[in-house]
N, C-alpha and C. Protein backbone atom coordinates (compact mmCIF):
# COMPACT_ATOMS: atom_id res chain seq x y z
N MET A 1 0.85 -1.19 0.00
CA MET A 1 0.00 0.00 0.00
C MET A 1 0.89 1.25 0.00
N LEU A 2 0.53 2.23 -0.82
CA LEU A 2 1.30 3.46 -0.88
C LEU A 2 1.25 4.20 0.45
N LEU A 3 2.35 4.89 0.76
CA LEU A 3 2.40 5.66 1.99
C LEU A 3 1.30 6.71 2.01
N TYR A 4 1.02 7.34 0.86
CA TYR A 4 -0.04 8.34 0.79
C TYR A 4 -1.36 7.78 1.31
N THR A 5 -1.66 6.55 0.93
CA THR A 5 -2.90 5.90 1.38
C THR A 5 -2.83 5.62 2.87
N GLN A 6 -1.69 5.18 3.34
CA GLN A 6 -1.53 4.86 4.76
C GLN A 6 -1.77 6.09 5.64
N LEU A 7 -1.43 7.27 5.11
CA LEU A 7 -1.46 8.47 5.94
C LEU A 7 -2.77 9.26 5.84
N ARG A 8 -3.71 8.79 5.05
CA ARG A 8 -4.92 9.58 4.81
C ARG A 8 -5.68 9.90 6.09
N ASN A 9 -5.64 9.04 7.07
CA ASN A 9 -6.40 9.24 8.30
C ASN A 9 -5.55 9.82 9.42
N HIS A 10 -4.46 10.44 9.06
CA HIS A 10 -3.58 11.01 10.07
C HIS A 10 -3.32 12.48 9.76
N ARG A 11 -3.09 13.22 10.81
CA ARG A 11 -2.62 14.60 10.66
C ARG A 11 -1.10 14.57 10.78
N ILE A 12 -0.42 15.03 9.76
CA ILE A 12 1.04 15.07 9.76
C ILE A 12 1.49 16.49 10.07
N ILE A 13 2.38 16.61 11.03
CA ILE A 13 2.95 17.90 11.38
C ILE A 13 4.45 17.83 11.16
N LEU A 14 4.96 18.76 10.38
CA LEU A 14 6.39 18.89 10.18
C LEU A 14 6.91 20.00 11.08
N GLY A 15 7.78 19.65 11.99
CA GLY A 15 8.33 20.62 12.93
C GLY A 15 9.57 21.28 12.39
N SER A 16 9.44 21.98 11.27
CA SER A 16 10.59 22.62 10.63
C SER A 16 10.14 23.76 9.76
N LYS A 17 10.89 24.87 9.81
CA LYS A 17 10.61 25.98 8.91
C LYS A 17 11.46 25.91 7.65
N SER A 18 12.26 24.86 7.52
CA SER A 18 13.13 24.72 6.34
C SER A 18 12.31 24.57 5.07
N PRO A 19 12.47 25.47 4.10
CA PRO A 19 11.73 25.33 2.85
C PRO A 19 12.10 24.05 2.10
N ARG A 20 13.34 23.59 2.25
CA ARG A 20 13.74 22.36 1.56
C ARG A 20 13.05 21.14 2.16
N ARG A 21 12.95 21.05 3.46
CA ARG A 21 12.25 19.91 4.08
C ARG A 21 10.76 19.94 3.71
N GLN A 22 10.18 21.12 3.70
CA GLN A 22 8.78 21.23 3.31
C GLN A 22 8.58 20.80 1.86
N TYR A 23 9.50 21.20 1.00
CA TYR A 23 9.43 20.82 -0.41
C TYR A 23 9.50 19.31 -0.57
N PHE A 24 10.45 18.68 0.10
CA PHE A 24 10.61 17.23 -0.02
C PHE A 24 9.36 16.49 0.45
N LEU A 25 8.79 16.92 1.56
CA LEU A 25 7.61 16.24 2.09
C LEU A 25 6.43 16.39 1.13
N ARG A 26 6.30 17.58 0.55
CA ARG A 26 5.24 17.81 -0.43
C ARG A 26 5.43 16.92 -1.65
N GLU A 27 6.67 16.83 -2.14
CA GLU A 27 6.95 16.03 -3.32
C GLU A 27 6.79 14.54 -3.06
N MET A 28 6.82 14.13 -1.79
CA MET A 28 6.55 12.74 -1.44
C MET A 28 5.05 12.44 -1.46
N GLY A 29 4.23 13.47 -1.71
CA GLY A 29 2.79 13.28 -1.77
C GLY A 29 2.12 13.30 -0.41
N ILE A 30 2.78 13.93 0.56
CA ILE A 30 2.26 13.94 1.94
C ILE A 30 1.67 15.31 2.25
N GLU A 31 0.45 15.34 2.71
CA GLU A 31 -0.17 16.58 3.18
C GLU A 31 0.23 16.80 4.63
N PHE A 32 0.57 18.03 4.98
CA PHE A 32 1.08 18.29 6.32
C PHE A 32 0.86 19.74 6.71
N ARG A 33 0.95 19.97 8.00
CA ARG A 33 1.00 21.32 8.55
C ARG A 33 2.40 21.57 9.07
N VAL A 34 2.77 22.83 9.16
CA VAL A 34 4.06 23.20 9.72
C VAL A 34 3.85 23.80 11.11
N ALA A 35 4.63 23.32 12.05
CA ALA A 35 4.64 23.89 13.39
C ALA A 35 6.10 24.08 13.77
N VAL A 36 6.47 25.31 14.06
CA VAL A 36 7.87 25.60 14.36
C VAL A 36 8.06 25.72 15.86
N PRO A 37 9.04 25.01 16.41
CA PRO A 37 9.29 25.13 17.85
C PRO A 37 9.64 26.56 18.22
N ASP A 38 9.26 26.96 19.43
CA ASP A 38 9.73 28.24 19.93
C ASP A 38 11.24 28.23 19.94
N ASP A 39 11.82 29.42 19.99
CA ASP A 39 13.28 29.49 20.00
C ASP A 39 13.85 28.61 21.10
N ILE A 40 14.67 27.66 20.68
CA ILE A 40 15.29 26.76 21.64
C ILE A 40 16.80 26.81 21.44
N ASP A 41 17.51 26.64 22.53
CA ASP A 41 18.96 26.55 22.45
C ASP A 41 19.32 25.16 21.96
N GLU A 42 19.86 25.09 20.76
CA GLU A 42 20.19 23.78 20.19
C GLU A 42 21.52 23.30 20.74
N LEU A 43 21.51 23.04 22.04
CA LEU A 43 22.70 22.56 22.74
C LEU A 43 22.60 21.06 22.92
N TYR A 44 23.74 20.41 23.00
CA TYR A 44 23.76 18.96 23.15
C TYR A 44 24.91 18.59 24.08
N PRO A 45 24.82 17.44 24.72
CA PRO A 45 25.88 17.02 25.64
C PRO A 45 27.24 16.94 24.95
N ALA A 46 28.27 17.33 25.66
CA ALA A 46 29.60 17.43 25.07
C ALA A 46 30.12 16.09 24.56
N GLY A 47 29.66 14.99 25.11
CA GLY A 47 30.18 13.69 24.73
C GLY A 47 29.62 13.14 23.43
N LEU A 48 28.62 13.79 22.85
CA LEU A 48 28.01 13.29 21.62
C LEU A 48 28.90 13.58 20.42
N LYS A 49 28.88 12.65 19.45
CA LYS A 49 29.68 12.82 18.25
C LYS A 49 28.89 12.40 17.02
N GLY A 50 29.24 12.99 15.87
CA GLY A 50 28.69 12.56 14.59
C GLY A 50 27.18 12.49 14.58
N GLU A 51 26.66 11.32 14.18
CA GLU A 51 25.23 11.15 13.99
C GLU A 51 24.43 11.28 15.28
N GLU A 52 25.09 11.12 16.43
CA GLU A 52 24.37 11.24 17.70
C GLU A 52 23.83 12.65 17.90
N ILE A 53 24.52 13.64 17.36
CA ILE A 53 24.14 15.03 17.60
C ILE A 53 22.83 15.41 16.91
N PRO A 54 22.66 15.18 15.59
CA PRO A 54 21.38 15.56 14.97
C PRO A 54 20.21 14.72 15.47
N VAL A 55 20.45 13.47 15.86
CA VAL A 55 19.37 12.67 16.43
C VAL A 55 18.92 13.29 17.76
N TYR A 56 19.87 13.67 18.59
CA TYR A 56 19.54 14.32 19.86
C TYR A 56 18.75 15.61 19.63
N LEU A 57 19.20 16.42 18.65
CA LEU A 57 18.54 17.70 18.40
C LEU A 57 17.15 17.51 17.78
N ALA A 58 16.99 16.49 16.94
CA ALA A 58 15.67 16.20 16.38
C ALA A 58 14.70 15.81 17.49
N LYS A 59 15.17 15.03 18.46
CA LYS A 59 14.32 14.66 19.59
C LYS A 59 14.02 15.87 20.46
N LEU A 60 15.01 16.76 20.61
CA LEU A 60 14.79 17.98 21.39
C LEU A 60 13.71 18.84 20.76
N LYS A 61 13.76 19.01 19.45
CA LYS A 61 12.73 19.77 18.75
C LYS A 61 11.36 19.12 18.91
N SER A 62 11.33 17.80 18.83
CA SER A 62 10.07 17.08 18.99
C SER A 62 9.46 17.30 20.37
N SER A 63 10.31 17.30 21.39
CA SER A 63 9.81 17.50 22.75
C SER A 63 9.19 18.87 22.94
N HIS A 64 9.64 19.86 22.17
CA HIS A 64 9.09 21.21 22.26
C HIS A 64 7.77 21.36 21.50
N LEU A 65 7.37 20.34 20.76
CA LEU A 65 6.12 20.38 20.01
C LEU A 65 5.14 19.30 20.46
N GLN A 66 5.39 18.69 21.60
CA GLN A 66 4.57 17.56 22.02
C GLN A 66 3.12 17.95 22.32
N ASN A 67 2.87 19.24 22.53
CA ASN A 67 1.49 19.66 22.78
C ASN A 67 0.61 19.52 21.54
N TYR A 68 1.22 19.32 20.36
CA TYR A 68 0.45 19.12 19.13
C TYR A 68 -0.03 17.67 18.97
N LEU A 69 0.49 16.78 19.78
CA LEU A 69 0.18 15.36 19.60
C LEU A 69 -1.19 15.01 20.14
N ASN A 70 -1.92 14.20 19.35
CA ASN A 70 -3.16 13.58 19.82
C ASN A 70 -3.26 12.22 19.15
N GLU A 71 -4.41 11.61 19.22
CA GLU A 71 -4.56 10.23 18.71
C GLU A 71 -4.34 10.12 17.21
N GLU A 72 -4.48 11.22 16.47
CA GLU A 72 -4.40 11.15 15.02
C GLU A 72 -3.12 11.77 14.44
N THR A 73 -2.25 12.29 15.30
CA THR A 73 -1.13 13.09 14.83
C THR A 73 0.17 12.30 14.75
N ILE A 74 0.92 12.57 13.70
CA ILE A 74 2.30 12.12 13.60
C ILE A 74 3.17 13.36 13.40
N LEU A 75 4.16 13.51 14.25
CA LEU A 75 5.05 14.67 14.25
C LEU A 75 6.42 14.25 13.70
N ILE A 76 6.94 15.05 12.78
CA ILE A 76 8.25 14.78 12.19
C ILE A 76 9.17 15.97 12.46
N THR A 77 10.32 15.71 13.05
CA THR A 77 11.33 16.74 13.26
C THR A 77 12.67 16.22 12.76
N ALA A 78 13.57 17.13 12.44
CA ALA A 78 14.86 16.72 11.88
C ALA A 78 15.92 17.75 12.18
N ASP A 79 17.17 17.32 12.08
CA ASP A 79 18.29 18.23 12.21
C ASP A 79 19.43 17.70 11.34
N THR A 80 20.25 18.60 10.82
CA THR A 80 21.36 18.22 9.96
C THR A 80 22.62 18.97 10.38
N ILE A 81 23.74 18.26 10.42
CA ILE A 81 25.01 18.90 10.75
C ILE A 81 26.06 18.55 9.69
N VAL A 82 27.03 19.43 9.58
CA VAL A 82 28.23 19.17 8.79
C VAL A 82 29.35 18.87 9.79
N TRP A 83 30.08 17.77 9.56
CA TRP A 83 31.03 17.24 10.54
C TRP A 83 32.40 17.08 9.88
N LEU A 84 33.42 17.69 10.50
CA LEU A 84 34.78 17.59 9.98
C LEU A 84 35.77 17.73 11.13
N ASP A 85 36.73 16.83 11.19
CA ASP A 85 37.75 16.86 12.23
C ASP A 85 37.14 16.87 13.63
N ASP A 86 36.13 16.01 13.83
CA ASP A 86 35.45 15.92 15.14
C ASP A 86 34.87 17.26 15.59
N GLU A 87 34.44 18.05 14.62
CA GLU A 87 33.85 19.36 14.93
C GLU A 87 32.60 19.56 14.10
N VAL A 88 31.56 20.12 14.74
CA VAL A 88 30.37 20.52 14.00
C VAL A 88 30.62 21.88 13.36
N LEU A 89 30.45 21.93 12.04
CA LEU A 89 30.54 23.21 11.33
C LEU A 89 29.12 23.73 11.16
N GLY A 90 28.73 24.61 12.05
CA GLY A 90 27.33 25.03 12.12
C GLY A 90 26.99 26.17 11.18
N LYS A 91 25.91 26.85 11.48
CA LYS A 91 25.48 28.00 10.68
C LYS A 91 26.37 29.19 11.05
N PRO A 92 27.00 29.80 10.08
CA PRO A 92 28.02 30.81 10.41
C PRO A 92 27.48 32.11 10.98
N GLY A 93 26.31 32.54 10.54
CA GLY A 93 25.75 33.78 11.08
C GLY A 93 26.34 35.05 10.49
N GLU A 94 27.65 35.04 10.23
CA GLU A 94 28.29 36.23 9.66
C GLU A 94 29.44 35.82 8.75
N ARG A 95 29.92 36.77 7.97
CA ARG A 95 30.83 36.48 6.87
C ARG A 95 32.16 35.88 7.33
N LYS A 96 32.75 36.44 8.35
CA LYS A 96 34.06 35.97 8.79
C LYS A 96 34.04 34.49 9.13
N GLU A 97 33.00 34.07 9.83
CA GLU A 97 32.87 32.67 10.19
C GLU A 97 32.59 31.80 8.97
N ALA A 98 31.80 32.31 8.03
CA ALA A 98 31.52 31.57 6.80
C ALA A 98 32.81 31.33 6.01
N VAL A 99 33.67 32.35 5.93
CA VAL A 99 34.95 32.20 5.24
C VAL A 99 35.79 31.13 5.92
N ARG A 100 35.84 31.15 7.25
CA ARG A 100 36.62 30.15 7.99
C ARG A 100 36.13 28.74 7.69
N ILE A 101 34.81 28.56 7.69
CA ILE A 101 34.24 27.24 7.45
C ILE A 101 34.54 26.76 6.04
N LEU A 102 34.31 27.62 5.05
CA LEU A 102 34.52 27.21 3.67
C LEU A 102 36.00 26.92 3.38
N LYS A 103 36.90 27.65 4.00
CA LYS A 103 38.32 27.36 3.84
C LYS A 103 38.66 26.01 4.47
N LYS A 104 37.98 25.67 5.54
CA LYS A 104 38.23 24.38 6.18
C LYS A 104 37.70 23.23 5.32
N LEU A 105 36.57 23.43 4.65
CA LEU A 105 35.99 22.41 3.79
C LEU A 105 36.77 22.25 2.49
N SER A 106 37.45 23.31 2.07
CA SER A 106 38.11 23.36 0.76
C SER A 106 39.10 22.20 0.57
N GLY A 107 38.91 21.46 -0.52
CA GLY A 107 39.83 20.41 -0.88
C GLY A 107 39.77 19.16 -0.02
N ARG A 108 38.69 19.00 0.73
CA ARG A 108 38.63 17.90 1.69
C ARG A 108 37.28 17.18 1.63
N LYS A 109 37.25 16.02 2.27
CA LYS A 109 36.01 15.29 2.46
C LYS A 109 35.43 15.64 3.83
N HIS A 110 34.11 15.87 3.86
CA HIS A 110 33.43 16.04 5.14
C HIS A 110 32.20 15.14 5.16
N GLU A 111 31.61 15.01 6.33
CA GLU A 111 30.40 14.20 6.46
C GLU A 111 29.20 15.10 6.76
N VAL A 112 28.06 14.73 6.19
CA VAL A 112 26.80 15.37 6.53
C VAL A 112 25.93 14.32 7.22
N TYR A 113 25.50 14.62 8.43
CA TYR A 113 24.64 13.73 9.19
C TYR A 113 23.28 14.38 9.39
N SER A 114 22.23 13.62 9.14
CA SER A 114 20.89 14.07 9.49
C SER A 114 20.29 13.12 10.51
N GLY A 115 19.55 13.67 11.43
CA GLY A 115 18.78 12.88 12.39
C GLY A 115 17.32 13.23 12.24
N VAL A 116 16.46 12.22 12.31
CA VAL A 116 15.02 12.41 12.16
C VAL A 116 14.31 11.75 13.34
N CYS A 117 13.29 12.43 13.84
CA CYS A 117 12.45 11.87 14.90
C CYS A 117 11.00 11.85 14.41
N ILE A 118 10.39 10.67 14.43
CA ILE A 118 8.97 10.50 14.10
C ILE A 118 8.27 10.13 15.40
N ARG A 119 7.21 10.85 15.71
CA ARG A 119 6.58 10.68 17.03
C ARG A 119 5.07 10.74 16.92
N SER A 120 4.43 9.85 17.66
CA SER A 120 2.98 9.90 17.82
C SER A 120 2.68 10.01 19.32
N ALA A 121 1.41 9.94 19.66
CA ALA A 121 1.05 9.99 21.07
C ALA A 121 1.49 8.73 21.81
N HIS A 122 1.86 7.69 21.06
CA HIS A 122 2.14 6.39 21.67
C HIS A 122 3.58 5.93 21.58
N LYS A 123 4.32 6.45 20.61
CA LYS A 123 5.68 5.95 20.45
C LYS A 123 6.54 6.95 19.70
N GLU A 124 7.82 6.62 19.64
CA GLU A 124 8.81 7.49 19.00
C GLU A 124 9.80 6.62 18.23
N LEU A 125 10.19 7.10 17.05
CA LEU A 125 11.19 6.41 16.24
C LEU A 125 12.21 7.44 15.78
N THR A 126 13.49 7.12 15.94
CA THR A 126 14.54 7.99 15.45
C THR A 126 15.47 7.20 14.53
N PHE A 127 16.05 7.91 13.58
CA PHE A 127 17.06 7.30 12.72
C PHE A 127 17.97 8.40 12.18
N SER A 128 19.07 7.97 11.58
CA SER A 128 20.04 8.93 11.05
C SER A 128 20.52 8.48 9.69
N ASP A 129 21.19 9.38 9.00
CA ASP A 129 21.78 9.06 7.71
C ASP A 129 23.08 9.85 7.56
N LYS A 130 24.01 9.28 6.82
CA LYS A 130 25.31 9.91 6.63
C LYS A 130 25.64 9.98 5.14
N THR A 131 26.18 11.12 4.71
CA THR A 131 26.65 11.30 3.35
C THR A 131 28.06 11.88 3.39
N ASN A 132 28.96 11.28 2.64
CA ASN A 132 30.30 11.83 2.48
C ASN A 132 30.31 12.79 1.29
N VAL A 133 30.85 13.98 1.52
CA VAL A 133 30.89 15.01 0.48
C VAL A 133 32.35 15.43 0.26
N TYR A 134 32.77 15.42 -1.00
CA TYR A 134 34.14 15.78 -1.36
C TYR A 134 34.14 17.12 -2.06
N PHE A 135 34.86 18.09 -1.48
CA PHE A 135 34.98 19.42 -2.07
C PHE A 135 36.30 19.55 -2.82
N LYS A 136 36.26 20.25 -3.95
CA LYS A 136 37.50 20.67 -4.60
C LYS A 136 38.11 21.81 -3.79
N SER A 137 39.35 22.14 -4.12
CA SER A 137 39.99 23.30 -3.48
C SER A 137 39.32 24.58 -3.98
N LEU A 138 38.92 25.41 -3.05
CA LEU A 138 38.23 26.65 -3.38
C LEU A 138 39.19 27.83 -3.33
N SER A 139 39.13 28.69 -4.33
CA SER A 139 39.94 29.91 -4.31
C SER A 139 39.24 30.97 -3.46
N ASP A 140 39.99 31.96 -3.03
CA ASP A 140 39.42 33.07 -2.27
C ASP A 140 38.34 33.77 -3.09
N GLN A 141 38.56 33.88 -4.40
CA GLN A 141 37.59 34.55 -5.26
C GLN A 141 36.28 33.76 -5.33
N GLU A 142 36.37 32.45 -5.38
CA GLU A 142 35.16 31.62 -5.42
C GLU A 142 34.39 31.73 -4.11
N ILE A 143 35.10 31.74 -3.01
CA ILE A 143 34.44 31.90 -1.71
C ILE A 143 33.77 33.26 -1.61
N ASP A 144 34.48 34.30 -2.03
CA ASP A 144 33.91 35.65 -1.97
C ASP A 144 32.67 35.76 -2.88
N TYR A 145 32.76 35.20 -4.07
CA TYR A 145 31.62 35.27 -4.99
C TYR A 145 30.39 34.58 -4.38
N TYR A 146 30.61 33.41 -3.81
CA TYR A 146 29.48 32.68 -3.22
C TYR A 146 28.86 33.45 -2.06
N LEU A 147 29.68 33.97 -1.19
CA LEU A 147 29.15 34.69 -0.03
C LEU A 147 28.47 35.99 -0.46
N ASP A 148 29.03 36.67 -1.45
CA ASP A 148 28.43 37.92 -1.92
C ASP A 148 27.04 37.69 -2.52
N ASN A 149 26.89 36.60 -3.24
CA ASN A 149 25.66 36.38 -4.01
C ASN A 149 24.64 35.47 -3.34
N TYR A 150 25.07 34.64 -2.40
CA TYR A 150 24.13 33.67 -1.82
C TYR A 150 23.95 33.81 -0.32
N LYS A 151 24.91 34.43 0.37
CA LYS A 151 24.78 34.73 1.80
C LYS A 151 24.23 33.52 2.58
N PRO A 152 24.98 32.45 2.65
CA PRO A 152 24.49 31.20 3.26
C PRO A 152 24.64 31.16 4.78
N TYR A 153 24.27 32.24 5.44
CA TYR A 153 24.53 32.34 6.87
C TYR A 153 23.55 31.54 7.73
N ASP A 154 22.51 31.02 7.08
CA ASP A 154 21.54 30.21 7.82
C ASP A 154 21.69 28.72 7.50
N LYS A 155 22.81 28.35 6.88
CA LYS A 155 22.99 26.97 6.42
C LYS A 155 24.13 26.31 7.18
N ALA A 156 23.89 25.09 7.62
CA ALA A 156 24.94 24.30 8.28
C ALA A 156 26.11 24.13 7.32
N GLY A 157 27.32 24.37 7.81
CA GLY A 157 28.49 24.24 6.97
C GLY A 157 28.70 25.40 6.02
N ALA A 158 27.88 26.43 6.13
CA ALA A 158 28.00 27.65 5.32
C ALA A 158 27.83 27.39 3.83
N TYR A 159 27.07 26.35 3.45
CA TYR A 159 26.81 26.16 2.03
C TYR A 159 25.52 25.39 1.81
N GLY A 160 24.94 25.58 0.63
CA GLY A 160 23.80 24.81 0.20
C GLY A 160 24.19 24.02 -1.05
N ALA A 161 24.06 22.70 -0.98
CA ALA A 161 24.47 21.86 -2.10
C ALA A 161 23.70 22.17 -3.37
N GLN A 162 22.50 22.73 -3.23
CA GLN A 162 21.65 23.02 -4.39
C GLN A 162 21.97 24.37 -5.00
N GLU A 163 22.95 25.09 -4.43
CA GLU A 163 23.31 26.42 -4.91
C GLU A 163 24.59 26.37 -5.76
N TRP A 164 25.03 27.53 -6.21
CA TRP A 164 26.19 27.65 -7.09
C TRP A 164 27.40 26.88 -6.58
N ILE A 165 27.67 26.98 -5.30
CA ILE A 165 28.87 26.34 -4.78
C ILE A 165 28.78 24.82 -4.86
N GLY A 166 27.56 24.30 -4.76
CA GLY A 166 27.39 22.87 -4.93
C GLY A 166 27.73 22.42 -6.33
N PHE A 167 27.39 23.26 -7.31
CA PHE A 167 27.66 22.93 -8.71
C PHE A 167 29.15 22.90 -9.01
N ILE A 168 29.89 23.84 -8.41
CA ILE A 168 31.29 23.98 -8.80
C ILE A 168 32.26 23.33 -7.82
N ALA A 169 31.83 23.05 -6.60
CA ALA A 169 32.77 22.58 -5.58
C ALA A 169 32.64 21.09 -5.25
N ILE A 170 31.44 20.53 -5.36
CA ILE A 170 31.26 19.14 -4.97
C ILE A 170 31.75 18.23 -6.09
N GLU A 171 32.80 17.50 -5.81
CA GLU A 171 33.39 16.59 -6.80
C GLU A 171 32.75 15.21 -6.76
N LYS A 172 32.36 14.79 -5.56
CA LYS A 172 31.80 13.45 -5.40
C LYS A 172 30.97 13.38 -4.14
N ILE A 173 29.93 12.57 -4.19
CA ILE A 173 29.09 12.32 -3.02
C ILE A 173 28.95 10.82 -2.84
N GLU A 174 29.10 10.37 -1.63
CA GLU A 174 28.86 8.98 -1.28
C GLU A 174 27.67 8.94 -0.32
N GLY A 175 26.54 8.47 -0.82
CA GLY A 175 25.33 8.48 -0.02
C GLY A 175 24.25 9.33 -0.67
N SER A 176 23.28 9.73 0.11
CA SER A 176 22.12 10.46 -0.41
C SER A 176 22.42 11.94 -0.62
N TYR A 177 22.17 12.42 -1.83
CA TYR A 177 22.29 13.85 -2.11
C TYR A 177 21.25 14.64 -1.32
N PHE A 178 20.04 14.08 -1.21
CA PHE A 178 18.97 14.80 -0.52
C PHE A 178 19.29 14.95 0.97
N ASN A 179 20.03 14.00 1.52
CA ASN A 179 20.46 14.13 2.90
C ASN A 179 21.33 15.37 3.09
N VAL A 180 22.16 15.69 2.08
CA VAL A 180 23.00 16.89 2.16
C VAL A 180 22.13 18.14 2.18
N MET A 181 20.95 18.06 1.58
CA MET A 181 20.02 19.19 1.57
C MET A 181 19.12 19.22 2.80
N GLY A 182 19.28 18.23 3.71
CA GLY A 182 18.59 18.32 4.98
C GLY A 182 17.57 17.26 5.30
N PHE A 183 17.28 16.35 4.35
CA PHE A 183 16.27 15.33 4.61
C PHE A 183 16.63 14.03 3.88
N PRO A 184 16.93 12.95 4.59
CA PRO A 184 17.16 11.67 3.93
C PRO A 184 15.83 11.04 3.53
N VAL A 185 15.27 11.51 2.42
CA VAL A 185 13.88 11.20 2.08
C VAL A 185 13.66 9.71 1.82
N HIS A 186 14.67 9.01 1.31
CA HIS A 186 14.50 7.57 1.06
C HIS A 186 14.27 6.82 2.37
N LYS A 187 15.04 7.18 3.40
CA LYS A 187 14.86 6.54 4.71
C LYS A 187 13.57 7.01 5.38
N LEU A 188 13.23 8.28 5.19
CA LEU A 188 12.01 8.82 5.79
C LEU A 188 10.78 8.09 5.26
N TYR A 189 10.75 7.86 3.94
CA TYR A 189 9.60 7.17 3.34
C TYR A 189 9.40 5.80 3.96
N ASN A 190 10.46 5.03 4.04
CA ASN A 190 10.36 3.68 4.59
C ASN A 190 10.04 3.70 6.08
N ALA A 191 10.66 4.63 6.80
CA ALA A 191 10.42 4.71 8.24
C ALA A 191 8.98 5.11 8.55
N LEU A 192 8.44 6.07 7.79
CA LEU A 192 7.04 6.47 7.99
C LEU A 192 6.09 5.31 7.70
N ASN A 193 6.38 4.59 6.64
CA ASN A 193 5.54 3.45 6.27
C ASN A 193 5.52 2.42 7.39
N ASP A 194 6.69 2.06 7.90
CA ASP A 194 6.77 1.08 8.99
C ASP A 194 6.12 1.63 10.26
N PHE A 195 6.32 2.92 10.51
CA PHE A 195 5.78 3.55 11.72
C PHE A 195 4.26 3.48 11.74
N VAL A 196 3.64 3.80 10.60
CA VAL A 196 2.18 3.81 10.52
C VAL A 196 1.62 2.40 10.61
N ILE A 197 2.25 1.46 9.93
CA ILE A 197 1.76 0.08 9.97
C ILE A 197 1.79 -0.46 11.39
N SER A 198 2.87 -0.23 12.11
CA SER A 198 2.99 -0.77 13.46
C SER A 198 2.14 -0.02 14.46
N ASP A 199 1.69 1.18 14.09
CA ASP A 199 0.90 2.00 15.01
C ASP A 199 -0.59 1.96 14.67
N THR A 200 -0.97 1.17 13.68
CA THR A 200 -2.33 1.19 13.16
C THR A 200 -3.37 0.94 14.25
N ALA A 201 -3.06 0.08 15.17
CA ALA A 201 -4.04 -0.29 16.19
C ALA A 201 -4.48 0.90 17.04
N TYR A 202 -3.67 1.93 17.09
CA TYR A 202 -3.99 3.07 17.93
C TYR A 202 -4.91 4.07 17.26
N PHE A 203 -5.04 3.99 15.92
CA PHE A 203 -5.72 5.04 15.19
C PHE A 203 -7.14 4.64 14.78
N PRO A 204 -8.09 5.54 14.89
CA PRO A 204 -9.45 5.25 14.41
C PRO A 204 -9.48 5.12 12.90
N GLY A 205 -10.48 4.47 12.39
CA GLY A 205 -10.56 4.20 10.95
C GLY A 205 -10.88 5.41 10.11
N ASN A 206 -11.71 6.31 10.59
CA ASN A 206 -12.07 7.49 9.81
C ASN A 206 -11.87 8.73 10.66
N VAL A 207 -11.08 9.61 10.15
CA VAL A 207 -10.77 10.83 10.87
C VAL A 207 -10.96 12.00 9.92
N SER A 208 -11.56 13.07 10.40
CA SER A 208 -11.63 14.29 9.59
C SER A 208 -10.97 15.40 10.39
N PHE A 209 -10.29 16.28 9.69
CA PHE A 209 -9.55 17.35 10.34
C PHE A 209 -10.13 18.70 9.94
N PRO A 210 -10.12 19.64 10.87
CA PRO A 210 -10.47 21.00 10.49
C PRO A 210 -9.37 21.57 9.62
N ASP A 211 -9.70 22.62 8.88
CA ASP A 211 -8.69 23.26 8.06
C ASP A 211 -7.54 23.77 8.93
N ALA A 212 -6.31 23.63 8.38
CA ALA A 212 -5.14 24.10 9.13
C ALA A 212 -5.18 25.61 9.27
């Protein structure tokens, strides 16, 4: 049975303001509402590494939206990090930090980890995905051009794979390209399908929702 059919009697809430995550969910044929957590400090325990970090943060975001849960709701939250030399390369916020990050990525392989949390009133499922991304060596002029024209200060790792820098800098990807853009959609599809099937006993057969 198609996932679209499985989800007809459920209210899906995406806990993300990311236009890319919203686009992917729409293109998967899923109807959903967006609910954005209040400003939260995306802090994590110092001992976490790699994929543990976005999974922790996805669960943290989910916990801030638990008031949306009822018998018919499935909540989806996610987080994505860029990881290099045992360091998270986060959202730069300003130009100087963006230059530092892009110079660090230049000519090297880094990892992109996404964590996803799927939650209902009865259970929770988390999973992660990893993609290796290989950058060519970037010149100062290329970095300046990208920052001048795209201002990626809200993007993990100071870049968007779907933008100019992705076209000219990414030499090779091992794993899901969509994961680099913030959502491992292939894993999400399968996880949602399994989640709904195993949770079927909790849900009524016919549900109608008011307009969002």
